[in-house]
C-alpha cells in the first residue's frame, strides 16, 4: 500500500467513526432530559449544526489520540478497523532549518527540476 493510500485511509476512517459516534452522542443529548437542561442553561441548541460539528470534532480528536496511544498494543486488524490502516505513512525527514529533505524524485519531478535549471541557465 502506498503512503498516499495509507495517509488517506488514516484520515478518512477516523473521520467516519467520529461522524457516526458524534451523531449518536448528539442524538442521545437531545433525548436525555438532564443533558437538555444543562445545554439550555448554557444557551446551546443541541439540534444546531454547530453543536453537531463541535461534538464530531471533539470525538475525532479524542478517537484519533486515544487509538494512536493504544496502537502499539493492539493487533493490526483492530488498527485497520479503527484507524483505516496498520501502515504508518512515511514522510520526508525535516532538517534542522525546518526544510523537508526529499530523497526520492519521480522521473517527472526530475525533468521539472532539469527544465527549471535549464531556464535559469544552471
PDB file of N, CA and C in Angstrom:
ATOM      1  N   UNK A   1       0.858  -1.169   0.000  1.00  0.00           N
ATOM      2  CA  UNK A   1       0.000   0.000   0.000  1.00  0.00           C
ATOM      3  C   UNK A   1       0.904   1.232   0.000  1.00  0.00           C
ATOM      4  N   UNK A   2       0.570   2.187  -0.838  1.00  0.00           N
ATOM      5  CA  UNK A   2       1.387   3.393  -0.928  1.00  0.00           C
ATOM      6  C   UNK A   2       1.156   4.295   0.281  1.00  0.00           C
ATOM      7  N   UNK A   3       2.105   5.200   0.512  1.00  0.00           N
ATOM      8  CA  UNK A   3       1.964   6.172   1.599  1.00  0.00           C
ATOM      9  C   UNK A   3       0.734   7.042   1.406  1.00  0.00           C
ATOM     10  N   UNK A   4       0.436   7.366   0.153  1.00  0.00           N
ATOM     11  CA  UNK A   4      -0.727   8.206  -0.131  1.00  0.00           C
ATOM     12  C   UNK A   4      -2.018   7.509   0.301  1.00  0.00           C
ATOM     13  N   UNK A   5      -2.149   6.233  -0.041  1.00  0.00           N
ATOM     14  CA  UNK A   5      -3.351   5.477   0.337  1.00  0.00           C
ATOM     15  C   UNK A   5      -3.419   5.317   1.855  1.00  0.00           C
ATOM     16  N   UNK A   6      -2.288   4.997   2.487  1.00  0.00           N
ATOM     17  CA  UNK A   6      -2.267   4.835   3.946  1.00  0.00           C
ATOM     18  C   UNK A   6      -2.660   6.132   4.643  1.00  0.00           C
ATOM     19  N   UNK A   7      -2.115   7.250   4.194  1.00  0.00           N
ATOM     20  CA  UNK A   7      -2.451   8.526   4.839  1.00  0.00           C
ATOM     21  C   UNK A   7      -3.909   8.900   4.593  1.00  0.00           C
ATOM     22  N   UNK A   8      -4.411   8.587   3.393  1.00  0.00           N
ATOM     23  CA  UNK A   8      -5.822   8.871   3.091  1.00  0.00           C
ATOM     24  C   UNK A   8      -6.734   8.045   4.003  1.00  0.00           C
ATOM     25  N   UNK A   9      -6.441   6.749   4.109  1.00  0.00           N
ATOM     26  CA  UNK A   9      -7.252   5.880   4.967  1.00  0.00           C
ATOM     27  C   UNK A   9      -7.194   6.319   6.424  1.00  0.00           C
ATOM     28  N   UNK A  10      -5.989   6.707   6.874  1.00  0.00           N
ATOM     29  CA  UNK A  10      -5.826   7.095   8.278  1.00  0.00           C
ATOM     30  C   UNK A  10      -6.429   8.473   8.559  1.00  0.00           C
ATOM     31  N   UNK A  11      -6.871   9.154   7.534  1.00  0.00           N
ATOM     32  CA  UNK A  11      -7.617  10.405   7.711  1.00  0.00           C
ATOM     33  C   UNK A  11      -9.111  10.143   7.622  1.00  0.00           C
ATOM     34  N   UNK A  12      -9.522   9.395   6.609  1.00  0.00           N
ATOM     35  CA  UNK A  12     -10.948   9.206   6.335  1.00  0.00           C
ATOM     36  C   UNK A  12     -11.627   8.288   7.355  1.00  0.00           C
ATOM     37  N   UNK A  13     -11.017   7.161   7.674  1.00  0.00           N
ATOM     38  CA  UNK A  13     -11.679   6.193   8.561  1.00  0.00           C
ATOM     39  C   UNK A  13     -11.960   6.776   9.952  1.00  0.00           C
ATOM     40  N   UNK A  14     -10.988   7.429  10.620  1.00  0.00           N
ATOM     41  CA  UNK A  14     -11.331   8.048  11.911  1.00  0.00           C
ATOM     42  C   UNK A  14     -12.388   9.147  11.780  1.00  0.00           C
ATOM     43  N   UNK A  15     -12.410   9.840  10.658  1.00  0.00           N
ATOM     44  CA  UNK A  15     -13.424  10.876  10.446  1.00  0.00           C
ATOM     45  C   UNK A  15     -14.811  10.256  10.344  1.00  0.00           C
ATOM     46  N   UNK A  16     -14.918   9.137   9.637  1.00  0.00           N
ATOM     47  CA  UNK A  16     -16.208   8.450   9.534  1.00  0.00           C
ATOM     48  C   UNK A  16     -16.648   7.957  10.914  1.00  0.00           C
ATOM     49  N   UNK A  17     -15.719   7.341  11.657  1.00  0.00           N
ATOM     50  CA  UNK A  17     -16.053   6.893  13.011  1.00  0.00           C
ATOM     51  C   UNK A  17     -16.541   8.058  13.864  1.00  0.00           C
ATOM     52  N   UNK A  18     -15.839   9.180  13.804  1.00  0.00           N
ATOM     53  CA  UNK A  18     -16.227  10.310  14.654  1.00  0.00           C
ATOM     54  C   UNK A  18     -17.570  10.883  14.233  1.00  0.00           C
ATOM     55  N   UNK A  19     -17.857  10.868  12.945  1.00  0.00           N
ATOM     56  CA  UNK A  19     -19.165  11.356  12.489  1.00  0.00           C
ATOM     57  C   UNK A  19     -20.283  10.461  13.022  1.00  0.00           C
ATOM     58  N   UNK A  20     -20.072   9.155  12.961  1.00  0.00           N
ATOM     59  CA  UNK A  20     -21.086   8.217  13.457  1.00  0.00           C
ATOM     60  C   UNK A  20     -21.256   8.369  14.971  1.00  0.00           C
ATOM     61  N   UNK A  21     -20.147   8.336  15.701  1.00  0.00           N
ATOM     62  CA  UNK A  21     -20.221   8.442  17.163  1.00  0.00           C
ATOM     63  C   UNK A  21     -20.742   9.814  17.578  1.00  0.00           C
ATOM     64  N   UNK A  22     -20.267  10.859  16.923  1.00  0.00           N
ATOM     65  CA  UNK A  22     -20.736  12.207  17.242  1.00  0.00           C
ATOM     66  C   UNK A  22     -22.221  12.377  16.999  1.00  0.00           C
ATOM     67  N   UNK A  23     -22.702  11.803  15.925  1.00  0.00           N
ATOM     68  CA  UNK A  23     -24.131  11.886  15.623  1.00  0.00           C
ATOM     69  C   UNK A  23     -24.951  11.123  16.662  1.00  0.00           C
ATOM     70  N   UNK A  24     -24.477   9.952  17.054  1.00  0.00           N
ATOM     71  CA  UNK A  24     -25.168   9.183  18.101  1.00  0.00           C
ATOM     72  C   UNK A  24     -25.170   9.963  19.416  1.00  0.00           C
ATOM     73  N   UNK A  25     -24.030  10.562  19.774  1.00  0.00           N
ATOM     74  CA  UNK A  25     -23.964  11.353  21.009  1.00  0.00           C
ATOM     75  C   UNK A  25     -24.895  12.557  20.951  1.00  0.00           C
ATOM     76  N   UNK A  26     -24.929  13.221  19.803  1.00  0.00           N
ATOM     77  CA  UNK A  26     -25.829  14.373  19.659  1.00  0.00           C
ATOM     78  C   UNK A  26     -27.287  13.925  19.777  1.00  0.00           C
ATOM     79  N   UNK A  27     -27.614  12.791  19.175  1.00  0.00           N
ATOM     80  CA  UNK A  27     -28.981  12.270  19.267  1.00  0.00           C
ATOM     81  C   UNK A  27     -29.322  11.930  20.719  1.00  0.00           C
ATOM     82  N   UNK A  28     -28.367  11.289  21.421  1.00  0.00           N
ATOM     83  CA  UNK A  28     -28.596  10.956  22.826  1.00  0.00           C
ATOM     84  C   UNK A  28     -28.775  12.214  23.668  1.00  0.00           C
ATOM     85  N   UNK A  29     -27.991  13.253  23.362  1.00  0.00           N
ATOM     86  CA  UNK A  29     -28.099  14.508  24.113  1.00  0.00           C
ATOM     87  C   UNK A  29     -29.489  15.106  23.967  1.00  0.00           C
ATOM     88  N   UNK A  30     -30.037  15.021  22.772  1.00  0.00           N
ATOM     89  CA  UNK A  30     -31.378  15.561  22.525  1.00  0.00           C
ATOM     90  C   UNK A  30     -32.430  14.761  23.293  1.00  0.00           C
ATOM     91  N   UNK A  31     -32.188  13.478  23.487  1.00  0.00           N
ATOM     92  CA  UNK A  31     -33.186  12.611  24.109  1.00  0.00           C
ATOM     93  C   UNK A  31     -32.929  12.330  25.593  1.00  0.00           C
ATOM     94  N   UNK A  32     -31.909  12.941  26.173  1.00  0.00           N
ATOM     95  CA  UNK A  32     -31.639  12.785  27.608  1.00  0.00           C
ATOM     96  C   UNK A  32     -32.021  14.089  28.300  1.00  0.00           C
ATOM     97  N   UNK A  33     -33.018  14.022  29.169  1.00  0.00           N
ATOM     98  CA  UNK A  33     -33.568  15.217  29.794  1.00  0.00           C
ATOM     99  C   UNK A  33     -32.559  16.077  30.522  1.00  0.00           C
ATOM    100  N   UNK A  34     -31.699  15.470  31.344  1.00  0.00           N
ATOM    101  CA  UNK A  34     -30.750  16.268  32.121  1.00  0.00           C
ATOM    102  C   UNK A  34     -29.727  16.957  31.225  1.00  0.00           C
ATOM    103  N   UNK A  35     -29.336  16.301  30.129  1.00  0.00           N
ATOM    104  CA  UNK A  35     -28.390  16.924  29.200  1.00  0.00           C
ATOM    105  C   UNK A  35     -29.032  18.148  28.562  1.00  0.00           C
ATOM    106  N   UNK A  36     -30.296  18.012  28.196  1.00  0.00           N
ATOM    107  CA  UNK A  36     -31.015  19.156  27.617  1.00  0.00           C
ATOM    108  C   UNK A  36     -31.083  20.316  28.599  1.00  0.00           C
ATOM    109  N   UNK A  37     -31.289  20.019  29.876  1.00  0.00           N
ATOM    110  CA  UNK A  37     -31.339  21.075  30.887  1.00  0.00           C
ATOM    111  C   UNK A  37     -30.003  21.810  30.985  1.00  0.00           C
ATOM    112  N   UNK A  38     -28.914  21.056  30.992  1.00  0.00           N
ATOM    113  CA  UNK A  38     -27.580  21.668  31.064  1.00  0.00           C
ATOM    114  C   UNK A  38     -27.314  22.503  29.821  1.00  0.00           C
ATOM    115  N   UNK A  39     -27.635  21.958  28.644  1.00  0.00           N
ATOM    116  CA  UNK A  39     -27.409  22.699  27.403  1.00  0.00           C
ATOM    117  C   UNK A  39     -28.252  23.966  27.356  1.00  0.00           C
ATOM    118  N   UNK A  40     -29.469  23.880  27.873  1.00  0.00           N
ATOM    119  CA  UNK A  40     -30.335  25.063  27.900  1.00  0.00           C
ATOM    120  C   UNK A  40     -29.751  26.124  28.829  1.00  0.00           C
ATOM    121  N   UNK A  41     -29.219  25.704  29.981  1.00  0.00           N
ATOM    122  CA  UNK A  41     -28.562  26.638  30.899  1.00  0.00           C
ATOM    123  C   UNK A  41     -27.394  27.350  30.219  1.00  0.00           C
ATOM    124  N   UNK A  42     -26.672  26.606  29.383  1.00  0.00           N
ATOM    125  CA  UNK A  42     -25.524  27.164  28.665  1.00  0.00           C
ATOM    126  C   UNK A  42     -25.926  27.865  27.372  1.00  0.00           C
ATOM    127  N   UNK A  43     -27.219  27.897  27.095  1.00  0.00           N
ATOM    128  CA  UNK A  43     -27.755  28.527  25.886  1.00  0.00           C
ATOM    129  C   UNK A  43     -27.204  27.868  24.614  1.00  0.00           C
ATOM    130  N   UNK A  44     -27.159  26.535  24.628  1.00  0.00           N
ATOM    131  CA  UNK A  44     -26.666  25.761  23.485  1.00  0.00           C
ATOM    132  C   UNK A  44     -27.826  24.978  22.895  1.00  0.00           C
ATOM    133  N   UNK A  45     -27.998  25.097  21.588  1.00  0.00           N
ATOM    134  CA  UNK A  45     -29.054  24.366  20.887  1.00  0.00           C
ATOM    135  C   UNK A  45     -28.493  23.029  20.395  1.00  0.00           C
ATOM    136  N   UNK A  46     -28.871  21.907  21.011  1.00  0.00           N
ATOM    137  CA  UNK A  46     -28.306  20.614  20.620  1.00  0.00           C
ATOM    138  C   UNK A  46     -28.729  20.150  19.232  1.00  0.00           C
ATOM    139  N   UNK A  47     -29.700  20.820  18.634  1.00  0.00           N
ATOM    140  CA  UNK A  47     -30.116  20.430  17.284  1.00  0.00           C
ATOM    141  C   UNK A  47     -29.396  21.238  16.213  1.00  0.00           C
ATOM    142  N   UNK A  48     -28.542  22.156  16.628  1.00  0.00           N
ATOM    143  CA  UNK A  48     -27.881  23.023  15.651  1.00  0.00           C
ATOM    144  C   UNK A  48     -26.724  22.304  14.959  1.00  0.00           C
ATOM    145  N   UNK A  49     -26.421  22.768  13.779  1.00  0.00           N
ATOM    146  CA  UNK A  49     -25.289  22.225  13.024  1.00  0.00           C
ATOM    147  C   UNK A  49     -23.990  22.484  13.767  1.00  0.00           C
ATOM    148  N   UNK A  50     -23.876  23.645  14.389  1.00  0.00           N
ATOM    149  CA  UNK A  50     -22.655  23.988  15.122  1.00  0.00           C
ATOM    150  C   UNK A  50     -22.414  23.009  16.275  1.00  0.00           C
ATOM    151  N   UNK A  51     -23.472  22.642  16.979  1.00  0.00           N
ATOM    152  CA  UNK A  51     -23.337  21.693  18.085  1.00  0.00           C
ATOM    153  C   UNK A  51     -22.867  20.337  17.565  1.00  0.00           C
ATOM    154  N   UNK A  52     -23.522  19.846  16.529  1.00  0.00           N
ATOM    155  CA  UNK A  52     -23.145  18.547  15.961  1.00  0.00           C
ATOM    156  C   UNK A  52     -21.711  18.578  15.446  1.00  0.00           C
ATOM    157  N   UNK A  53     -21.351  19.664  14.775  1.00  0.00           N
ATOM    158  CA  UNK A  53     -19.982  19.799  14.263  1.00  0.00           C
ATOM    159  C   UNK A  53     -18.978  19.804  15.407  1.00  0.00           C
ATOM    160  N   UNK A  54     -19.297  20.522  16.471  1.00  0.00           N
ATOM    161  CA  UNK A  54     -18.407  20.562  17.631  1.00  0.00           C
ATOM    162  C   UNK A  54     -18.241  19.202  18.278  1.00  0.00           C
ATOM    163  N   UNK A  55     -19.346  18.488  18.422  1.00  0.00           N
ATOM    164  CA  UNK A  55     -19.291  17.147  19.017  1.00  0.00           C
ATOM    165  C   UNK A  55     -18.456  16.223  18.133  1.00  0.00           C
ATOM    166  N   UNK A  56     -18.697  16.253  16.828  1.00  0.00           N
ATOM    167  CA  UNK A  56     -17.944  15.397  15.901  1.00  0.00           C
ATOM    168  C   UNK A  56     -16.456  15.735  15.957  1.00  0.00           C
ATOM    169  N   UNK A  57     -16.123  17.013  16.022  1.00  0.00           N
ATOM    170  CA  UNK A  57     -14.720  17.433  16.084  1.00  0.00           C
ATOM    171  C   UNK A  57     -14.054  16.939  17.362  1.00  0.00           C
ATOM    172  N   UNK A  58     -14.727  17.099  18.488  1.00  0.00           N
ATOM    173  CA  UNK A  58     -14.168  16.626  19.760  1.00  0.00           C
ATOM    174  C   UNK A  58     -14.026  15.106  19.772  1.00  0.00           C
ATOM    175  N   UNK A  59     -15.017  14.415  19.230  1.00  0.00           N
ATOM    176  CA  UNK A  59     -14.937  12.952  19.168  1.00  0.00           C
ATOM    177  C   UNK A  59     -13.779  12.529  18.269  1.00  0.00           C
ATOM    178  N   UNK A  60     -13.595  13.204  17.141  1.00  0.00           N
ATOM    179  CA  UNK A  60     -12.491  12.878  16.232  1.00  0.00           C
ATOM    180  C   UNK A  60     -11.151  13.047  16.934  1.00  0.00           C
ATOM    181  N   UNK A  61     -10.972  14.157  17.626  1.00  0.00           N
ATOM    182  CA  UNK A  61      -9.711  14.402  18.329  1.00  0.00           C
ATOM    183  C   UNK A  61      -9.463  13.326  19.388  1.00  0.00           C
ATOM    184  N   UNK A  62     -10.490  13.014  20.169  1.00  0.00           N
ATOM    185  CA  UNK A  62     -10.339  12.001  21.217  1.00  0.00           C
ATOM    186  C   UNK A  62     -10.116  10.610  20.619  1.00  0.00           C
ATOM    187  N   UNK A  63     -10.876  10.296  19.570  1.00  0.00           N
ATOM    188  CA  UNK A  63     -10.763   8.985  18.905  1.00  0.00           C
ATOM    189  C   UNK A  63      -9.348   8.780  18.378  1.00  0.00           C
ATOM    190  N   UNK A  64      -8.862   9.757  17.622  1.00  0.00           N
ATOM    191  CA  UNK A  64      -7.552   9.601  16.996  1.00  0.00           C
ATOM    192  C   UNK A  64      -6.446   9.550  18.045  1.00  0.00           C
ATOM    193  N   UNK A  65      -6.492  10.456  19.020  1.00  0.00           N
ATOM    194  CA  UNK A  65      -5.467  10.474  20.059  1.00  0.00           C
ATOM    195  C   UNK A  65      -5.479   9.174  20.862  1.00  0.00           C
ATOM    196  N   UNK A  66      -6.664   8.737  21.252  1.00  0.00           N
ATOM    197  CA  UNK A  66      -6.764   7.507  22.038  1.00  0.00           C
ATOM    198  C   UNK A  66      -6.231   6.291  21.305  1.00  0.00           C
ATOM    199  N   UNK A  67      -6.648   6.122  20.074  1.00  0.00           N
ATOM    200  CA  UNK A  67      -6.210   4.942  19.322  1.00  0.00           C
ATOM    201  C   UNK A  67      -4.747   5.025  18.935  1.00  0.00           C
ATOM    202  N   UNK A  68      -4.228   6.217  18.699  1.00  0.00           N
ATOM    203  CA  UNK A  68      -2.797   6.347  18.385  1.00  0.00           C
ATOM    204  C   UNK A  68      -1.950   5.954  19.590  1.00  0.00           C
ATOM    205  N   UNK A  69      -2.441   6.287  20.790  1.00  0.00           N
ATOM    206  CA  UNK A  69      -1.718   5.887  22.014  1.00  0.00           C
ATOM    207  C   UNK A  69      -1.781   4.366  22.205  1.00  0.00           C
ATOM    208  N   UNK A  70      -2.927   3.765  21.865  1.00  0.00           N
ATOM    209  CA  UNK A  70      -3.101   2.320  22.029  1.00  0.00           C
ATOM    210  C   UNK A  70      -2.509   1.507  20.879  1.00  0.00           C
ATOM    211  N   UNK A  71      -2.239   2.140  19.761  1.00  0.00           N
ATOM    212  CA  UNK A  71      -1.825   1.427  18.547  1.00  0.00           C
ATOM    213  C   UNK A  71      -0.678   0.439  18.752  1.00  0.00           C
ATOM    214  N   UNK A  72       0.365   0.774  19.515  1.00  0.00           N
ATOM    215  CA  UNK A  72       1.451  -0.208  19.678  1.00  0.00           C
ATOM    216  C   UNK A  72       1.028  -1.482  20.409  1.00  0.00           C
ATOM    217  N   UNK A  73      -0.100  -1.448  21.092  1.00  0.00           N
ATOM    218  CA  UNK A  73      -0.510  -2.569  21.938  1.00  0.00           C
ATOM    219  C   UNK A  73      -1.680  -3.381  21.376  1.00  0.00           C
ATOM    220  N   UNK A  74      -2.214  -2.981  20.232  1.00  0.00           N
ATOM    221  CA  UNK A  74      -3.390  -3.671  19.696  1.00  0.00           C
ATOM    222  C   UNK A  74      -3.027  -4.410  18.408  1.00  0.00           C
ATOM    223  N   UNK A  75      -3.789  -5.448  18.051  1.00  0.00           N
ATOM    224  CA  UNK A  75      -3.491  -6.191  16.817  1.00  0.00           C
ATOM    225  C   UNK A  75      -3.757  -5.340  15.568  1.00  0.00           C
ATOM    226  N   UNK A  76      -3.080  -5.705  14.487  1.00  0.00           N
ATOM    227  CA  UNK A  76      -3.211  -4.960  13.229  1.00  0.00           C
ATOM    228  C   UNK A  76      -4.647  -4.891  12.728  1.00  0.00           C
ATOM    229  N   UNK A  77      -5.413  -5.980  12.887  1.00  0.00           N
ATOM    230  CA  UNK A  77      -6.794  -5.971  12.380  1.00  0.00           C
ATOM    231  C   UNK A  77      -7.620  -4.898  13.083  1.00  0.00           C
ATOM    232  N   UNK A  78      -7.377  -4.692  14.380  1.00  0.00           N
ATOM    233  CA  UNK A  78      -8.118  -3.669  15.112  1.00  0.00           C
ATOM    234  C   UNK A  78      -7.662  -2.270  14.686  1.00  0.00           C
ATOM    235  N   UNK A  79      -6.366  -2.123  14.459  1.00  0.00           N
ATOM    236  CA  UNK A  79      -5.856  -0.842  13.962  1.00  0.00           C
ATOM    237  C   UNK A  79      -6.497  -0.505  12.624  1.00  0.00           C
ATOM    238  N   UNK A  80      -6.598  -1.494  11.735  1.00  0.00           N
ATOM    239  CA  UNK A  80      -7.238  -1.261  10.434  1.00  0.00           C
ATOM    240  C   UNK A  80      -8.701  -0.853  10.599  1.00  0.00           C
ATOM    241  N   UNK A  81      -9.380  -1.482  11.545  1.00  0.00           N
ATOM    242  CA  UNK A  81     -10.789  -1.184  11.771  1.00  0.00           C
ATOM    243  C   UNK A  81     -10.990   0.240  12.294  1.00  0.00           C
ATOM    244  N   UNK A  82     -10.181   0.663  13.242  1.00  0.00           N
ATOM    245  CA  UNK A  82     -10.417   1.953  13.897  1.00  0.00           C
ATOM    246  C   UNK A  82      -9.653   3.115  13.273  1.00  0.00           C
ATOM    247  N   UNK A  83      -8.519   2.824  12.609  1.00  0.00           N
ATOM    248  CA  UNK A  83      -7.714   3.897  12.020  1.00  0.00           C
ATOM    249  C   UNK A  83      -7.577   3.796  10.504  1.00  0.00           C
ATOM    250  N   UNK A  84      -8.045   2.704   9.914  1.00  0.00           N
ATOM    251  CA  UNK A  84      -8.028   2.594   8.462  1.00  0.00           C
ATOM    252  C   UNK A  84      -6.867   1.826   7.887  1.00  0.00           C
ATOM    253  N   UNK A  85      -5.725   1.841   8.573  1.00  0.00           N
ATOM    254  CA  UNK A  85      -4.551   1.148   8.069  1.00  0.00           C
ATOM    255  C   UNK A  85      -3.592   0.908   9.227  1.00  0.00           C
ATOM    256  N   UNK A  86      -2.953  -0.262   9.215  1.00  0.00           N
ATOM    257  CA  UNK A  86      -1.932  -0.545  10.221  1.00  0.00           C
ATOM    258  C   UNK A  86      -0.582  -0.001   9.777  1.00  0.00           C
ATOM    259  N   UNK A  87      -0.501   0.454   8.528  1.00  0.00           N
ATOM    260  CA  UNK A  87       0.751   1.002   7.995  1.00  0.00           C
ATOM    261  C   UNK A  87       0.797   2.501   8.261  1.00  0.00           C
ATOM    262  N   UNK A  88       1.865   2.935   8.891  1.00  0.00           N
ATOM    263  CA  UNK A  88       2.067   4.365   9.102  1.00  0.00           C
ATOM    264  C   UNK A  88       2.678   4.951   7.829  1.00  0.00           C
ATOM    265  N   UNK A  89       2.126   6.040   7.322  1.00  0.00           N
ATOM    266  CA  UNK A  89       2.764   6.666   6.166  1.00  0.00           C
ATOM    267  C   UNK A  89       4.121   7.240   6.571  1.00  0.00           C
ATOM    268  N   UNK A  90       5.042   7.240   5.627  1.00  0.00           N
ATOM    269  CA  UNK A  90       6.350   7.840   5.901  1.00  0.00           C
ATOM    270  C   UNK A  90       6.399   9.207   5.242  1.00  0.00           C
ATOM    271  N   UNK A  91       7.119  10.090   5.875  1.00  0.00           N
ATOM    272  CA  UNK A  91       7.231  11.456   5.374  1.00  0.00           C
ATOM    273  C   UNK A  91       8.700  11.801   5.223  1.00  0.00           C
ATOM    274  N   UNK A  92       8.967  12.782   4.389  1.00  0.00           N
ATOM    275  CA  UNK A  92      10.342  13.212   4.174  1.00  0.00           C
ATOM    276  C   UNK A  92      10.912  13.748   5.486  1.00  0.00           C
ATOM    277  N   UNK A  93      12.180  13.418   5.784  1.00  0.00           N
ATOM    278  CA  UNK A  93      12.777  13.941   7.010  1.00  0.00           C
ATOM    279  C   UNK A  93      12.889  15.469   6.955  1.00  0.00           C
ATOM    280  N   UNK A  94      12.855  16.085   8.120  1.00  0.00           N
ATOM    281  CA  UNK A  94      12.965  17.539   8.212  1.00  0.00           C
ATOM    282  C   UNK A  94      14.339  17.873   8.765  1.00  0.00           C
ATOM    283  N   UNK A  95      15.062  18.766   8.073  1.00  0.00           N
ATOM    284  CA  UNK A  95      16.386  19.163   8.544  1.00  0.00           C
ATOM    285  C   UNK A  95      16.254  20.182   9.673  1.00  0.00           C
ATOM    286  N   UNK A  96      17.370  20.551  10.281  1.00  0.00           N
ATOM    287  CA  UNK A  96      17.348  21.452  11.436  1.00  0.00           C
ATOM    288  C   UNK A  96      16.771  22.827  11.104  1.00  0.00           C
ATOM    289  N   UNK A  97      16.818  23.220   9.817  1.00  0.00           N
ATOM    290  CA  UNK A  97      16.254  24.526   9.449  1.00  0.00           C
ATOM    291  C   UNK A  97      14.774  24.432   9.075  1.00  0.00           C
ATOM    292  N   UNK A  98      14.168  23.246   9.277  1.00  0.00           N
ATOM    293  CA  UNK A  98      12.736  23.089   9.049  1.00  0.00           C
ATOM    294  C   UNK A  98      12.345  22.734   7.626  1.00  0.00           C
ATOM    295  N   UNK A  99      13.318  22.468   6.766  1.00  0.00           N
ATOM    296  CA  UNK A  99      13.042  22.147   5.366  1.00  0.00           C
ATOM    297  C   UNK A  99      12.979  20.629   5.202  1.00  0.00           C
ATOM    298  N   UNK A 100      11.981  20.162   4.470  1.00  0.00           N
ATOM    299  CA  UNK A 100      11.863  18.729   4.198  1.00  0.00           C
ATOM    300  C   UNK A 100      12.951  18.300   3.221  1.00  0.00           C
ATOM    301  N   UNK A 101      13.592  17.189   3.511  1.00  0.00           N
ATOM    302  CA  UNK A 101      14.613  16.627   2.642  1.00  0.00           C
ATOM    303  C   UNK A 101      13.957  15.548   1.794  1.00  0.00           C
ATOM    304  N   UNK A 102      13.862  15.791   0.505  1.00  0.00           N
ATOM    305  CA  UNK A 102      13.242  14.827  -0.396  1.00  0.00           C
ATOM    306  C   UNK A 102      14.342  13.922  -0.925  1.00  0.00           C
ATOM    307  N   UNK A 103      14.199  12.640  -0.659  1.00  0.00           N
ATOM    308  CA  UNK A 103      15.255  11.706  -1.027  1.00  0.00           C
ATOM    309  C   UNK A 103      14.964  10.967  -2.324  1.00  0.00           C
ATOM    310  N   UNK A 104      13.711  10.937  -2.738  1.00  0.00           N
ATOM    311  CA  UNK A 104      13.372  10.253  -3.979  1.00  0.00           C
ATOM    312  C   UNK A 104      12.478  11.153  -4.820  1.00  0.00           C
ATOM    313  N   UNK A 105      12.843  11.291  -6.078  1.00  0.00           N
ATOM    314  CA  UNK A 105      12.036  12.077  -7.004  1.00  0.00           C
ATOM    315  C   UNK A 105      11.507  11.165  -8.103  1.00  0.00           C
ATOM    316  N   UNK A 106      10.319  11.461  -8.554  1.00  0.00           N
ATOM    317  CA  UNK A 106       9.774  10.730  -9.690  1.00  0.00           C
ATOM    318  C   UNK A 106      10.466  11.245 -10.948  1.00  0.00           C
ATOM    319  N   UNK A 107      10.410  10.492 -12.043  1.00  0.00           N
ATOM    320  CA  UNK A 107      11.001  10.980 -13.295  1.00  0.00           C
ATOM    321  C   UNK A 107      10.425  12.339 -13.715  1.00  0.00           C
ATOM    322  N   UNK A 108       9.134  12.541 -13.521  1.00  0.00           N
ATOM    323  CA  UNK A 108       8.519  13.826 -13.888  1.00  0.00           C
ATOM    324  C   UNK A 108       9.083  14.958 -13.034  1.00  0.00           C
ATOM    325  N   UNK A 109       9.322  14.693 -11.749  1.00  0.00           N
ATOM    326  CA  UNK A 109       9.895  15.721 -10.873  1.00  0.00           C
ATOM    327  C   UNK A 109      11.332  16.035 -11.277  1.00  0.00           C
ATOM    328  N   UNK A 110      12.077  15.004 -11.663  1.00  0.00           N
ATOM    329  CA  UNK A 110      13.455  15.235 -12.119  1.00  0.00           C
ATOM    330  C   UNK A 110      13.473  16.098 -13.382  1.00  0.00           C
ATOM    331  N   UNK A 111      12.570  15.788 -14.334  1.00  0.00           N
ATOM    332  CA  UNK A 111      12.504  16.579 -15.569  1.00  0.00           C
ATOM    333  C   UNK A 111      12.152  18.030 -15.264  1.00  0.00           C
ATOM    334  N   UNK A 112      11.224  18.241 -14.331  1.00  0.00           N
ATOM    335  CA  UNK A 112      10.830  19.590 -13.959  1.00  0.00           C
ATOM    336  C   UNK A 112      12.019  20.361 -13.395  1.00  0.00           C
ATOM    337  N   UNK A 113      12.779  19.730 -12.520  1.00  0.00           N
ATOM    338  CA  UNK A 113      13.955  20.390 -11.946  1.00  0.00           C
ATOM    339  C   UNK A 113      14.973  20.695 -13.035  1.00  0.00           C
ATOM    340  N   UNK A 114      15.187  19.745 -13.935  1.00  0.00           N
ATOM    341  CA  UNK A 114      16.128  19.978 -15.036  1.00  0.00           C
ATOM    342  C   UNK A 114      15.658  21.124 -15.924  1.00  0.00           C
ATOM    343  N   UNK A 115      14.355  21.194 -16.194  1.00  0.00           N
ATOM    344  CA  UNK A 115      13.811  22.288 -17.006  1.00  0.00           C
ATOM    345  C   UNK A 115      13.997  23.636 -16.319  1.00  0.00           C
ATOM    346  N   UNK A 116      13.755  23.684 -15.025  1.00  0.00           N
ATOM    347  CA  UNK A 116      13.932  24.941 -14.280  1.00  0.00           C
ATOM    348  C   UNK A 116      15.391  25.357 -14.308  1.00  0.00           C
ATOM    349  N   UNK A 117      16.284  24.405 -14.085  1.00  0.00           N
ATOM    350  CA  UNK A 117      17.716  24.720 -14.110  1.00  0.00           C
ATOM    351  C   UNK A 117      18.138  25.199 -15.494  1.00  0.00           C
ATOM    352  N   UNK A 118      17.622  24.555 -16.540  1.00  0.00           N
ATOM    353  CA  UNK A 118      17.972  24.966 -17.904  1.00  0.00           C
ATOM    354  C   UNK A 118      17.465  26.375 -18.182  1.00  0.00           C
ATOM    355  N   UNK A 119      16.255  26.684 -17.719  1.00  0.00           N
ATOM    356  CA  UNK A 119      15.687  28.015 -17.911  1.00  0.00           C
ATOM    357  C   UNK A 119      16.515  29.067 -17.185  1.00  0.00           C
ATOM    358  N   UNK A 120      17.009  28.716 -16.003  1.00  0.00           N
ATOM    359  CA  UNK A 120      17.811  29.658 -15.217  1.00  0.00           C
ATOM    360  C   UNK A 120      19.263  29.683 -15.667  1.00  0.00           C
ATOM    361  N   UNK A 121      19.635  28.809 -16.582  1.00  0.00           N
ATOM    362  CA  UNK A 121      21.000  28.779 -17.091  1.00  0.00           C
ATOM    363  C   UNK A 121      21.970  28.080 -16.151  1.00  0.00           C
ATOM    364  N   UNK A 122      21.480  27.148 -15.372  1.00  0.00           N
ATOM    365  CA  UNK A 122      22.372  26.417 -14.449  1.00  0.00           C
ATOM    366  C   UNK A 122      22.659  25.043 -14.958  1.00  0.00           C
TER     367      UNK A 122
END
